[in-house]
Protein backbone atom coordinates (compact mmCIF):
# COMPACT_ATOMS: atom_id res chain seq x y z
CA UNK A 1 -0.24 -0.10 -0.07
CA UNK A 2 1.30 3.69 -0.82
CA UNK A 3 0.11 6.80 1.08
CA UNK A 4 -1.31 7.83 -2.06
CA UNK A 5 -3.48 4.85 -2.28
CA UNK A 6 -5.06 5.19 1.13
CA UNK A 7 -5.10 8.95 0.44
CA UNK A 8 -7.44 8.01 -2.68
CA UNK A 9 -9.55 5.90 -0.72
CA UNK A 10 -10.31 8.41 1.84
CA UNK A 11 -10.99 11.34 -1.17
CA UNK A 12 -13.17 8.89 -2.79
CA UNK A 13 -15.88 8.67 -0.06
CA UNK A 14 -18.54 10.69 -0.73
CA UNK A 15 -18.54 12.59 3.22
CA UNK A 16 -21.12 14.25 5.26
CA UNK A 17 -20.34 17.60 5.43
CA UNK A 18 -19.06 18.18 8.93
CA UNK A 19 -16.20 20.95 8.05
CA UNK A 20 -18.72 23.50 10.15
CA UNK A 21 -18.43 21.22 13.25
CA UNK A 22 -14.91 21.88 13.69
CA UNK A 23 -13.81 24.98 14.92
CA UNK A 24 -11.23 26.09 12.13
CA UNK A 25 -11.20 29.68 12.17
CA UNK A 26 -8.81 32.14 13.02
CA UNK A 27 -8.00 31.62 16.60
CA UNK A 28 -9.79 28.43 16.83
CA UNK A 29 -8.72 25.53 18.28
CA UNK A 30 -8.57 23.26 14.80
CA UNK A 31 -7.22 26.52 13.01
CA UNK A 32 -6.18 25.99 9.06
CA UNK A 33 -6.59 22.31 9.31
CA UNK A 34 -8.68 20.92 6.64
CA UNK A 35 -11.29 18.53 7.19
CA UNK A 36 -13.13 15.61 4.34
CA UNK A 37 -16.00 15.04 6.81
CA UNK A 38 -15.33 11.47 7.42
CA UNK A 39 -16.14 9.75 10.28
CA UNK A 40 -13.67 7.61 12.58
CA UNK A 41 -15.81 4.34 11.96
CA UNK A 42 -15.18 4.63 8.10
CA UNK A 43 -11.55 6.11 8.87
CA UNK A 44 -10.64 3.50 10.79
CA UNK A 45 -12.21 0.57 8.47
CA UNK A 46 -10.03 2.12 5.56
CA UNK A 47 -6.93 2.18 7.93
CA UNK A 48 -7.83 -1.92 8.54
CA UNK A 49 -7.65 -2.37 5.32
CA UNK A 50 -4.46 -0.98 4.80
CA UNK A 51 -2.54 -2.08 7.75
CA UNK A 52 0.70 -3.47 5.75
CA UNK A 53 1.31 0.38 4.72
CA UNK A 54 5.41 0.75 5.06
CA UNK A 55 6.14 3.24 7.55
CA UNK A 56 7.51 5.15 4.86
CA UNK A 57 4.61 5.87 3.35
CA UNK A 58 2.68 6.30 6.60
CA UNK A 59 5.35 9.26 7.50
CA UNK A 60 3.54 10.76 4.41
CA UNK A 61 -0.20 10.42 5.29
CA UNK A 62 1.33 12.10 8.71
CA UNK A 63 2.51 15.07 6.91
CA UNK A 64 -0.74 15.18 4.99
CA UNK A 65 -3.43 18.65 4.70
CA UNK A 66 -5.82 16.57 5.51
CA UNK A 67 -7.14 15.62 9.49
CA UNK A 68 -8.12 12.35 8.69
CA UNK A 69 -5.42 11.18 6.77
CA UNK A 70 -3.27 11.64 9.52
CA UNK A 71 -5.32 10.11 11.59
CA UNK A 72 -5.50 7.21 9.44
CA UNK A 73 -1.55 6.87 9.42
CA UNK A 74 -1.62 6.47 13.31
CA UNK A 75 -4.49 4.22 13.12
CA UNK A 76 -2.32 2.27 11.34
CA UNK A 77 0.65 2.34 13.35
CA UNK A 78 -1.30 1.24 15.96
CA UNK A 79 -2.28 -1.73 13.78
CA UNK A 80 1.04 -2.57 13.23
CA UNK A 81 2.81 -2.20 16.98
CA UNK A 82 -0.34 -4.23 18.04
CA UNK A 83 1.36 -7.23 16.07
CA UNK A 84 4.69 -6.21 16.15
CA UNK A 85 8.05 -7.51 16.85
CA UNK A 86 10.17 -5.65 19.61
CA UNK A 87 12.79 -4.13 17.36
CA UNK A 88 9.48 -3.17 15.22
CA UNK A 89 7.42 -1.42 18.08
CA UNK A 90 10.77 0.81 18.96
CA UNK A 91 10.47 1.79 15.28
CA UNK A 92 6.84 2.39 15.17
CA UNK A 93 7.50 4.26 18.14
């Protein structure tokens, strides 16, 4: 799996418009953050389907402008951490 593939999956979902729910205006807690509007359970299912994504690709997702892409990368890392060896856990950490 690549970061581009995971991001394309996130972008392909018709999401409810939740941008107004988050406080993204100047001085608000999520100022400048960009939301796709995906609900967390859907983001979790995309993460589980792409749990073999390499760490280098996860880094690209973590640097994404989209909130859900960053969340998805962290959820994938958690899934990988659960089944990783001690050496791999240190890399993930």
